[in-house]
Amino acid sequence: MSSADILGSSKIAAFVGVRDAQRACAFYGDTLGLRLVSEDAFALVFDANGTTLRVSLVREVVAAPYAVLGWEVDDIVAKVKALLAAGVKLERYENFVKQDESGIWTAPGGTRVAWFKDPDGNLLSISQH
């Protein structure tokens, strides 16, 4: 088996830690629209358009200063409007990058990105390439 075959053809699963299962279920399921697949005393498992998202219940969330999950979207403006309408607050990094009035940053290569946090402070993003 070559090194390219070790995991290159395997599906990836994403993980994020949260403290409150009910609050996380409402956010990832109801607000973001992910389908809840299963839930137990250790985690909530969502289907994120074919990718497994395991929302693990932890004693203490140590939020990273960078995005831990991101979604590629076709229309970032429409998704930003939908997030705002759902009560999600976009993050502003005006001292770091120049964002437009909607909170969207356009990278030098043209990719557009917006950031937001889940109820436990995990930084998430949406991007349009």
N, C-alpha and C. Protein backbone atom coordinates (compact mmCIF):
# COMPACT_ATOMS: atom_id res chain seq x y z
N MET A 1 0.84 -1.17 0.00
CA MET A 1 0.00 0.00 0.00
C MET A 1 0.89 1.24 0.00
N SER A 2 0.67 2.12 -0.94
CA SER A 2 1.45 3.36 -0.98
C SER A 2 0.89 4.34 0.04
N SER A 3 1.70 5.32 0.40
CA SER A 3 1.24 6.31 1.38
C SER A 3 0.03 7.08 0.87
N ALA A 4 -0.14 7.21 -0.44
CA ALA A 4 -1.29 7.90 -1.00
C ALA A 4 -2.57 7.11 -0.78
N ASP A 5 -2.47 5.81 -0.54
CA ASP A 5 -3.65 4.98 -0.36
C ASP A 5 -4.05 4.80 1.10
N ILE A 6 -3.28 5.29 2.02
CA ILE A 6 -3.58 5.05 3.43
C ILE A 6 -4.93 5.67 3.80
N LEU A 7 -5.14 6.95 3.57
CA LEU A 7 -6.41 7.60 3.90
C LEU A 7 -7.01 8.40 2.75
N GLY A 8 -6.31 8.47 1.65
CA GLY A 8 -6.74 9.29 0.52
C GLY A 8 -8.11 8.96 -0.04
N SER A 9 -8.56 7.73 0.09
CA SER A 9 -9.86 7.35 -0.44
C SER A 9 -10.90 7.14 0.66
N SER A 10 -10.56 7.49 1.88
CA SER A 10 -11.48 7.33 3.00
C SER A 10 -12.23 8.63 3.27
N LYS A 11 -13.47 8.51 3.75
CA LYS A 11 -14.25 9.68 4.13
C LYS A 11 -13.68 10.27 5.42
N ILE A 12 -13.79 11.56 5.55
CA ILE A 12 -13.33 12.24 6.75
C ILE A 12 -14.53 12.54 7.65
N ALA A 13 -14.28 12.56 8.94
CA ALA A 13 -15.28 12.97 9.92
C ALA A 13 -14.74 14.20 10.63
N ALA A 14 -15.64 15.09 11.00
CA ALA A 14 -15.24 16.31 11.70
C ALA A 14 -15.68 16.22 13.16
N PHE A 15 -14.93 16.87 14.04
CA PHE A 15 -15.22 16.85 15.47
C PHE A 15 -15.20 18.27 16.01
N VAL A 16 -16.08 18.54 16.96
CA VAL A 16 -16.07 19.80 17.68
C VAL A 16 -16.56 19.50 19.09
N GLY A 17 -15.96 20.15 20.07
CA GLY A 17 -16.34 19.93 21.46
C GLY A 17 -17.30 20.99 21.97
N VAL A 18 -18.30 20.55 22.74
CA VAL A 18 -19.27 21.46 23.35
C VAL A 18 -19.57 21.01 24.77
N ARG A 19 -20.11 21.90 25.57
CA ARG A 19 -20.47 21.55 26.94
C ARG A 19 -21.94 21.17 27.07
N ASP A 20 -22.81 21.80 26.33
CA ASP A 20 -24.25 21.66 26.52
C ASP A 20 -24.88 21.01 25.29
N ALA A 21 -25.32 19.76 25.43
CA ALA A 21 -25.86 19.01 24.30
C ALA A 21 -27.14 19.65 23.75
N GLN A 22 -28.01 20.09 24.63
CA GLN A 22 -29.28 20.67 24.18
C GLN A 22 -29.05 21.94 23.38
N ARG A 23 -28.18 22.79 23.88
CA ARG A 23 -27.87 24.04 23.19
C ARG A 23 -27.18 23.76 21.85
N ALA A 24 -26.26 22.80 21.84
CA ALA A 24 -25.57 22.43 20.60
C ALA A 24 -26.53 21.82 19.59
N CYS A 25 -27.45 20.99 20.07
CA CYS A 25 -28.43 20.37 19.17
C CYS A 25 -29.30 21.45 18.51
N ALA A 26 -29.72 22.42 19.28
CA ALA A 26 -30.52 23.52 18.74
C ALA A 26 -29.72 24.31 17.71
N PHE A 27 -28.45 24.59 18.00
CA PHE A 27 -27.64 25.40 17.09
C PHE A 27 -27.31 24.64 15.81
N TYR A 28 -26.69 23.47 15.95
CA TYR A 28 -26.26 22.73 14.76
C TYR A 28 -27.44 22.14 13.99
N GLY A 29 -28.47 21.72 14.71
CA GLY A 29 -29.63 21.14 14.05
C GLY A 29 -30.63 22.17 13.57
N ASP A 30 -31.19 22.94 14.50
CA ASP A 30 -32.25 23.88 14.14
C ASP A 30 -31.72 25.11 13.42
N THR A 31 -30.67 25.74 13.95
CA THR A 31 -30.18 26.97 13.34
C THR A 31 -29.43 26.73 12.04
N LEU A 32 -28.48 25.79 12.06
CA LEU A 32 -27.67 25.55 10.85
C LEU A 32 -28.31 24.54 9.89
N GLY A 33 -29.27 23.77 10.37
CA GLY A 33 -30.00 22.86 9.49
C GLY A 33 -29.33 21.52 9.24
N LEU A 34 -28.41 21.10 10.12
CA LEU A 34 -27.80 19.79 9.95
C LEU A 34 -28.73 18.72 10.51
N ARG A 35 -28.73 17.56 9.89
CA ARG A 35 -29.61 16.47 10.31
C ARG A 35 -28.96 15.67 11.42
N LEU A 36 -29.67 15.57 12.56
CA LEU A 36 -29.19 14.79 13.69
C LEU A 36 -29.34 13.31 13.35
N VAL A 37 -28.24 12.57 13.42
CA VAL A 37 -28.23 11.14 13.09
C VAL A 37 -28.36 10.30 14.36
N SER A 38 -27.63 10.69 15.40
CA SER A 38 -27.71 9.96 16.65
C SER A 38 -27.25 10.84 17.79
N GLU A 39 -27.60 10.39 18.99
CA GLU A 39 -27.18 11.12 20.18
C GLU A 39 -27.09 10.14 21.34
N ASP A 40 -26.05 10.32 22.14
CA ASP A 40 -25.88 9.50 23.33
C ASP A 40 -25.23 10.36 24.41
N ALA A 41 -24.79 9.76 25.47
CA ALA A 41 -24.21 10.50 26.58
C ALA A 41 -22.85 11.12 26.24
N PHE A 42 -22.29 10.77 25.10
CA PHE A 42 -20.95 11.24 24.74
C PHE A 42 -20.94 12.26 23.61
N ALA A 43 -21.94 12.20 22.72
CA ALA A 43 -21.88 13.07 21.55
C ALA A 43 -23.22 13.14 20.83
N LEU A 44 -23.34 14.19 20.05
CA LEU A 44 -24.40 14.32 19.05
C LEU A 44 -23.71 14.06 17.71
N VAL A 45 -24.33 13.31 16.85
CA VAL A 45 -23.75 13.06 15.53
C VAL A 45 -24.70 13.61 14.48
N PHE A 46 -24.16 14.49 13.64
CA PHE A 46 -24.94 15.13 12.59
C PHE A 46 -24.41 14.70 11.23
N ASP A 47 -25.30 14.72 10.25
CA ASP A 47 -24.91 14.55 8.85
C ASP A 47 -24.77 15.95 8.27
N ALA A 48 -23.56 16.33 7.92
CA ALA A 48 -23.28 17.63 7.32
C ALA A 48 -23.07 17.43 5.82
N ASN A 49 -24.17 17.16 5.12
CA ASN A 49 -24.15 16.95 3.67
C ASN A 49 -23.19 15.84 3.27
N GLY A 50 -23.28 14.72 3.99
CA GLY A 50 -22.45 13.56 3.67
C GLY A 50 -21.21 13.41 4.53
N THR A 51 -20.86 14.44 5.28
CA THR A 51 -19.74 14.38 6.20
C THR A 51 -20.28 14.21 7.61
N THR A 52 -19.71 13.28 8.35
CA THR A 52 -20.12 13.09 9.73
C THR A 52 -19.52 14.19 10.59
N LEU A 53 -20.38 14.87 11.35
CA LEU A 53 -19.93 15.85 12.32
C LEU A 53 -20.26 15.31 13.70
N ARG A 54 -19.24 14.99 14.45
CA ARG A 54 -19.42 14.49 15.82
C ARG A 54 -19.22 15.65 16.78
N VAL A 55 -20.30 16.05 17.42
CA VAL A 55 -20.28 17.13 18.39
C VAL A 55 -20.11 16.48 19.75
N SER A 56 -18.87 16.42 20.20
CA SER A 56 -18.52 15.70 21.42
C SER A 56 -18.80 16.53 22.66
N LEU A 57 -19.37 15.88 23.67
CA LEU A 57 -19.65 16.55 24.93
C LEU A 57 -18.39 16.50 25.79
N VAL A 58 -17.92 17.66 26.19
CA VAL A 58 -16.68 17.77 26.95
C VAL A 58 -16.93 18.56 28.23
N ARG A 59 -16.05 18.39 29.19
CA ARG A 59 -16.19 19.14 30.45
C ARG A 59 -15.84 20.60 30.28
N GLU A 60 -14.83 20.86 29.47
CA GLU A 60 -14.39 22.24 29.26
C GLU A 60 -14.04 22.43 27.79
N VAL A 61 -14.65 23.42 27.19
CA VAL A 61 -14.34 23.76 25.81
C VAL A 61 -13.16 24.71 25.81
N VAL A 62 -12.15 24.37 25.03
CA VAL A 62 -11.01 25.25 24.84
C VAL A 62 -11.09 25.69 23.37
N ALA A 63 -11.71 26.84 23.17
CA ALA A 63 -11.94 27.32 21.82
C ALA A 63 -10.63 27.77 21.18
N ALA A 64 -10.40 27.29 19.97
CA ALA A 64 -9.21 27.68 19.21
C ALA A 64 -9.40 29.09 18.66
N PRO A 65 -8.32 29.84 18.46
CA PRO A 65 -8.43 31.19 17.91
C PRO A 65 -8.59 31.20 16.38
N TYR A 66 -8.78 30.04 15.80
CA TYR A 66 -8.95 29.90 14.35
C TYR A 66 -10.19 29.04 14.11
N ALA A 67 -10.67 29.06 12.88
CA ALA A 67 -11.87 28.29 12.54
C ALA A 67 -11.59 26.79 12.63
N VAL A 68 -12.51 26.09 13.28
CA VAL A 68 -12.37 24.64 13.43
C VAL A 68 -13.29 23.88 12.47
N LEU A 69 -14.30 24.53 11.96
CA LEU A 69 -15.20 23.95 10.97
C LEU A 69 -15.54 25.01 9.94
N GLY A 70 -15.69 24.60 8.71
CA GLY A 70 -16.06 25.56 7.68
C GLY A 70 -16.90 24.89 6.60
N TRP A 71 -17.78 25.66 6.02
CA TRP A 71 -18.63 25.17 4.95
C TRP A 71 -18.36 25.97 3.69
N GLU A 72 -18.26 25.28 2.57
CA GLU A 72 -18.14 25.94 1.27
C GLU A 72 -19.56 26.14 0.75
N VAL A 73 -19.88 27.38 0.39
CA VAL A 73 -21.23 27.71 -0.05
C VAL A 73 -21.20 28.31 -1.45
N ASP A 74 -22.32 28.23 -2.13
CA ASP A 74 -22.42 28.79 -3.49
C ASP A 74 -22.69 30.29 -3.48
N ASP A 75 -23.43 30.76 -2.47
CA ASP A 75 -23.81 32.17 -2.41
C ASP A 75 -23.61 32.66 -0.98
N ILE A 76 -22.43 33.22 -0.70
CA ILE A 76 -22.11 33.62 0.66
C ILE A 76 -22.99 34.75 1.16
N VAL A 77 -23.40 35.64 0.28
CA VAL A 77 -24.26 36.75 0.70
C VAL A 77 -25.59 36.21 1.20
N ALA A 78 -26.17 35.27 0.48
CA ALA A 78 -27.45 34.68 0.90
C ALA A 78 -27.30 33.91 2.21
N LYS A 79 -26.19 33.20 2.37
CA LYS A 79 -25.97 32.44 3.61
C LYS A 79 -25.74 33.37 4.79
N VAL A 80 -25.01 34.47 4.59
CA VAL A 80 -24.81 35.45 5.65
C VAL A 80 -26.16 36.03 6.08
N LYS A 81 -26.99 36.39 5.12
CA LYS A 81 -28.33 36.92 5.44
C LYS A 81 -29.14 35.89 6.22
N ALA A 82 -29.06 34.62 5.83
CA ALA A 82 -29.80 33.57 6.53
C ALA A 82 -29.28 33.38 7.95
N LEU A 83 -27.96 33.41 8.12
CA LEU A 83 -27.38 33.29 9.46
C LEU A 83 -27.83 34.45 10.34
N LEU A 84 -27.76 35.65 9.83
CA LEU A 84 -28.17 36.82 10.60
C LEU A 84 -29.64 36.73 10.96
N ALA A 85 -30.48 36.32 10.01
CA ALA A 85 -31.91 36.18 10.27
C ALA A 85 -32.19 35.12 11.34
N ALA A 86 -31.31 34.13 11.43
CA ALA A 86 -31.46 33.08 12.44
C ALA A 86 -30.88 33.48 13.79
N GLY A 87 -30.37 34.71 13.88
CA GLY A 87 -29.84 35.20 15.14
C GLY A 87 -28.37 34.92 15.37
N VAL A 88 -27.66 34.48 14.34
CA VAL A 88 -26.23 34.21 14.47
C VAL A 88 -25.47 35.51 14.24
N LYS A 89 -24.56 35.81 15.15
CA LYS A 89 -23.74 37.02 15.06
C LYS A 89 -22.45 36.70 14.31
N LEU A 90 -22.15 37.50 13.32
CA LEU A 90 -20.89 37.32 12.59
C LEU A 90 -19.75 37.98 13.36
N GLU A 91 -18.59 37.38 13.25
CA GLU A 91 -17.39 37.89 13.91
C GLU A 91 -16.75 38.97 13.04
N ARG A 92 -16.21 39.97 13.69
CA ARG A 92 -15.52 41.06 13.00
C ARG A 92 -14.05 41.04 13.37
N TYR A 93 -13.21 41.16 12.35
CA TYR A 93 -11.75 41.18 12.54
C TYR A 93 -11.17 42.39 11.82
N GLU A 94 -11.76 43.53 12.03
CA GLU A 94 -11.39 44.74 11.30
C GLU A 94 -9.92 45.13 11.46
N ASN A 95 -9.31 44.76 12.58
CA ASN A 95 -7.89 45.08 12.77
C ASN A 95 -6.98 44.09 12.03
N PHE A 96 -7.56 43.02 11.57
CA PHE A 96 -6.78 41.95 10.92
C PHE A 96 -7.04 41.89 9.42
N VAL A 97 -8.31 41.93 9.03
CA VAL A 97 -8.69 41.88 7.61
C VAL A 97 -9.80 42.90 7.37
N LYS A 98 -9.94 43.33 6.12
CA LYS A 98 -10.99 44.28 5.76
C LYS A 98 -12.24 43.51 5.35
N GLN A 99 -13.29 43.65 6.16
CA GLN A 99 -14.56 43.00 5.87
C GLN A 99 -15.55 44.02 5.34
N ASP A 100 -16.47 43.57 4.49
CA ASP A 100 -17.50 44.49 3.99
C ASP A 100 -18.56 44.70 5.06
N GLU A 101 -19.58 45.47 4.73
CA GLU A 101 -20.62 45.80 5.70
C GLU A 101 -21.38 44.57 6.21
N SER A 102 -21.35 43.48 5.45
CA SER A 102 -22.01 42.24 5.86
C SER A 102 -21.13 41.38 6.76
N GLY A 103 -19.83 41.71 6.84
CA GLY A 103 -18.90 40.90 7.61
C GLY A 103 -18.14 39.91 6.77
N ILE A 104 -18.19 40.07 5.46
CA ILE A 104 -17.51 39.15 4.53
C ILE A 104 -16.15 39.74 4.16
N TRP A 105 -15.12 38.90 4.25
CA TRP A 105 -13.77 39.28 3.83
C TRP A 105 -13.50 38.65 2.47
N THR A 106 -12.89 39.40 1.57
CA THR A 106 -12.47 38.87 0.28
C THR A 106 -10.95 38.72 0.30
N ALA A 107 -10.51 37.47 0.17
CA ALA A 107 -9.08 37.16 0.17
C ALA A 107 -8.44 37.65 -1.12
N PRO A 108 -7.11 37.83 -1.14
CA PRO A 108 -6.45 38.28 -2.36
C PRO A 108 -6.75 37.41 -3.58
N GLY A 109 -6.96 36.12 -3.39
CA GLY A 109 -7.26 35.24 -4.51
C GLY A 109 -8.72 35.22 -4.93
N GLY A 110 -9.56 35.98 -4.20
CA GLY A 110 -10.97 36.08 -4.56
C GLY A 110 -11.92 35.28 -3.68
N THR A 111 -11.41 34.37 -2.87
CA THR A 111 -12.28 33.62 -1.96
C THR A 111 -12.90 34.58 -0.97
N ARG A 112 -14.19 34.41 -0.69
CA ARG A 112 -14.91 35.25 0.26
C ARG A 112 -15.22 34.41 1.50
N VAL A 113 -15.00 34.99 2.69
CA VAL A 113 -15.12 34.26 3.94
C VAL A 113 -15.87 35.10 4.97
N ALA A 114 -16.71 34.42 5.77
CA ALA A 114 -17.35 35.04 6.93
C ALA A 114 -17.23 34.07 8.09
N TRP A 115 -17.09 34.60 9.30
CA TRP A 115 -16.89 33.78 10.48
C TRP A 115 -18.01 34.00 11.49
N PHE A 116 -18.30 32.96 12.27
CA PHE A 116 -19.27 33.05 13.35
C PHE A 116 -18.92 31.99 14.38
N LYS A 117 -19.52 32.09 15.56
CA LYS A 117 -19.21 31.14 16.63
C LYS A 117 -20.44 30.33 17.01
N ASP A 118 -20.19 29.11 17.46
CA ASP A 118 -21.28 28.32 18.02
C ASP A 118 -21.48 28.77 19.47
N PRO A 119 -22.51 28.27 20.16
CA PRO A 119 -22.77 28.73 21.53
C PRO A 119 -21.63 28.50 22.51
N ASP A 120 -20.70 27.59 22.21
CA ASP A 120 -19.57 27.33 23.09
C ASP A 120 -18.32 28.11 22.70
N GLY A 121 -18.42 28.96 21.70
CA GLY A 121 -17.29 29.78 21.29
C GLY A 121 -16.39 29.17 20.23
N ASN A 122 -16.76 28.02 19.68
CA ASN A 122 -15.98 27.43 18.59
C ASN A 122 -16.15 28.30 17.35
N LEU A 123 -15.05 28.68 16.73
CA LEU A 123 -15.09 29.54 15.55
C LEU A 123 -15.38 28.70 14.30
N LEU A 124 -16.41 29.10 13.57
CA LEU A 124 -16.85 28.42 12.35
C LEU A 124 -16.78 29.41 11.20
N SER A 125 -16.79 28.90 9.98
CA SER A 125 -16.75 29.81 8.84
C SER A 125 -17.58 29.29 7.69
N ILE A 126 -17.92 30.21 6.81
CA ILE A 126 -18.47 29.86 5.50
C ILE A 126 -17.59 30.54 4.48
N SER A 127 -17.42 29.90 3.33
CA SER A 127 -16.58 30.50 2.29
C SER A 127 -17.17 30.20 0.92
N GLN A 128 -16.94 31.14 0.02
CA GLN A 128 -17.34 30.98 -1.38
C GLN A 128 -16.08 31.13 -2.21
N HIS A 129 -15.79 30.11 -3.01
CA HIS A 129 -14.57 30.09 -3.81
C HIS A 129 -14.86 30.46 -5.24
